[in-house]
């Protein structure tokens, strides 16, 4: 009887299926936080770059902003 109890206890400690799901959930949450931070920090720079490329493709001249927070103009 004691050996059956010890066998069941040893199998219980090895079952990690629930822990794996929790670990994947934490990984997904951390990846989402990193993506949100990157989009927030780089959003205006990427928008400015796409505006410059759009202006160049249309054959116009891009003039950069004179202030760090401003946007350039396409003429």
C-alpha atoms as a PDB file:
ATOM      1  CA  UNK A   1       0.000   0.000   0.000  1.00  0.00           C
ATOM      2  CA  UNK A   2       2.825   2.388   0.776  1.00  0.00           C
ATOM      3  CA  UNK A   3       4.440   1.747  -2.598  1.00  0.00           C
ATOM      4  CA  UNK A   4       1.155   2.552  -4.401  1.00  0.00           C
ATOM      5  CA  UNK A   5       0.923   5.846  -2.513  1.00  0.00           C
ATOM      6  CA  UNK A   6       4.521   6.782  -3.320  1.00  0.00           C
ATOM      7  CA  UNK A   7       3.987   5.887  -6.969  1.00  0.00           C
ATOM      8  CA  UNK A   8       0.908   8.134  -7.214  1.00  0.00           C
ATOM      9  CA  UNK A   9       2.720  11.016  -5.513  1.00  0.00           C
ATOM     10  CA  UNK A  10       5.692  10.718  -7.861  1.00  0.00           C
ATOM     11  CA  UNK A  11       3.411  10.804 -10.932  1.00  0.00           C
ATOM     12  CA  UNK A  12       1.587  13.855  -9.595  1.00  0.00           C
ATOM     13  CA  UNK A  13       4.797  15.865  -9.367  1.00  0.00           C
ATOM     14  CA  UNK A  14       5.696  15.172 -12.999  1.00  0.00           C
ATOM     15  CA  UNK A  15       2.438  16.423 -14.523  1.00  0.00           C
ATOM     16  CA  UNK A  16       3.365  19.827 -15.974  1.00  0.00           C
ATOM     17  CA  UNK A  17       0.643  20.340 -18.591  1.00  0.00           C
ATOM     18  CA  UNK A  18      -1.002  23.207 -16.701  1.00  0.00           C
ATOM     19  CA  UNK A  19       2.303  24.908 -16.020  1.00  0.00           C
ATOM     20  CA  UNK A  20       3.150  24.855 -19.715  1.00  0.00           C
ATOM     21  CA  UNK A  21      -0.076  26.669 -20.611  1.00  0.00           C
ATOM     22  CA  UNK A  22       0.624  29.313 -17.960  1.00  0.00           C
ATOM     23  CA  UNK A  23       4.159  29.806 -19.259  1.00  0.00           C
ATOM     24  CA  UNK A  24       2.888  30.280 -22.820  1.00  0.00           C
ATOM     25  CA  UNK A  25       0.342  32.801 -21.565  1.00  0.00           C
ATOM     26  CA  UNK A  26       3.054  34.794 -19.799  1.00  0.00           C
ATOM     27  CA  UNK A  27       5.240  34.709 -22.925  1.00  0.00           C
ATOM     28  CA  UNK A  28       2.391  35.983 -25.108  1.00  0.00           C
ATOM     29  CA  UNK A  29       1.659  38.787 -22.643  1.00  0.00           C
ATOM     30  CA  UNK A  30       5.311  39.871 -22.564  1.00  0.00           C
ATOM     31  CA  UNK A  31       5.535  39.821 -26.365  1.00  0.00           C
ATOM     32  CA  UNK A  32       2.390  41.972 -26.548  1.00  0.00           C
ATOM     33  CA  UNK A  33       3.892  44.489 -24.107  1.00  0.00           C
ATOM     34  CA  UNK A  34       7.084  44.709 -26.176  1.00  0.00           C
ATOM     35  CA  UNK A  35       5.114  45.225 -29.405  1.00  0.00           C
ATOM     36  CA  UNK A  36       2.970  47.949 -27.844  1.00  0.00           C
ATOM     37  CA  UNK A  37       6.048  49.724 -26.488  1.00  0.00           C
ATOM     38  CA  UNK A  38       7.816  49.541 -29.859  1.00  0.00           C
ATOM     39  CA  UNK A  39       4.813  50.892 -31.749  1.00  0.00           C
ATOM     40  CA  UNK A  40       4.400  53.697 -29.233  1.00  0.00           C
ATOM     41  CA  UNK A  41       8.057  54.719 -29.345  1.00  0.00           C
ATOM     42  CA  UNK A  42       8.607  54.336 -33.089  1.00  0.00           C
ATOM     43  CA  UNK A  43       5.149  55.250 -34.383  1.00  0.00           C
ATOM     44  CA  UNK A  44       5.810  58.881 -35.285  1.00  0.00           C
ATOM     45  CA  UNK A  45       9.186  58.091 -36.859  1.00  0.00           C
ATOM     46  CA  UNK A  46       7.682  55.382 -39.045  1.00  0.00           C
ATOM     47  CA  UNK A  47       4.789  57.650 -40.061  1.00  0.00           C
ATOM     48  CA  UNK A  48       7.241  60.393 -41.031  1.00  0.00           C
ATOM     49  CA  UNK A  49       9.315  57.934 -43.081  1.00  0.00           C
ATOM     50  CA  UNK A  50       6.275  56.634 -44.961  1.00  0.00           C
ATOM     51  CA  UNK A  51       5.146  60.190 -45.676  1.00  0.00           C
ATOM     52  CA  UNK A  52       8.591  60.985 -47.081  1.00  0.00           C
ATOM     53  CA  UNK A  53       8.552  57.876 -49.283  1.00  0.00           C
ATOM     54  CA  UNK A  54       5.034  58.672 -50.505  1.00  0.00           C
ATOM     55  CA  UNK A  55       6.149  62.178 -51.423  1.00  0.00           C
ATOM     56  CA  UNK A  56       9.213  60.896 -53.280  1.00  0.00           C
ATOM     57  CA  UNK A  57       7.192  58.310 -55.215  1.00  0.00           C
ATOM     58  CA  UNK A  58       4.740  60.982 -56.359  1.00  0.00           C
ATOM     59  CA  UNK A  59       7.661  63.023 -57.738  1.00  0.00           C
ATOM     60  CA  UNK A  60       7.498  65.858 -55.253  1.00  0.00           C
ATOM     61  CA  UNK A  61      10.148  67.222 -52.881  1.00  0.00           C
ATOM     62  CA  UNK A  62      10.098  66.441 -49.177  1.00  0.00           C
ATOM     63  CA  UNK A  63      11.046  69.208 -46.755  1.00  0.00           C
ATOM     64  CA  UNK A  64      11.870  68.010 -43.253  1.00  0.00           C
ATOM     65  CA  UNK A  65      10.334  69.650 -40.200  1.00  0.00           C
ATOM     66  CA  UNK A  66      12.303  72.388 -38.493  1.00  0.00           C
ATOM     67  CA  UNK A  67      11.244  71.240 -35.006  1.00  0.00           C
ATOM     68  CA  UNK A  68      11.718  67.782 -33.537  1.00  0.00           C
ATOM     69  CA  UNK A  69       7.992  67.217 -32.951  1.00  0.00           C
ATOM     70  CA  UNK A  70       6.758  68.669 -36.261  1.00  0.00           C
ATOM     71  CA  UNK A  71       6.000  66.970 -39.530  1.00  0.00           C
ATOM     72  CA  UNK A  72       7.626  67.657 -42.858  1.00  0.00           C
ATOM     73  CA  UNK A  73       5.892  68.987 -45.931  1.00  0.00           C
ATOM     74  CA  UNK A  74       5.559  67.656 -49.440  1.00  0.00           C
ATOM     75  CA  UNK A  75       5.622  70.185 -52.254  1.00  0.00           C
END
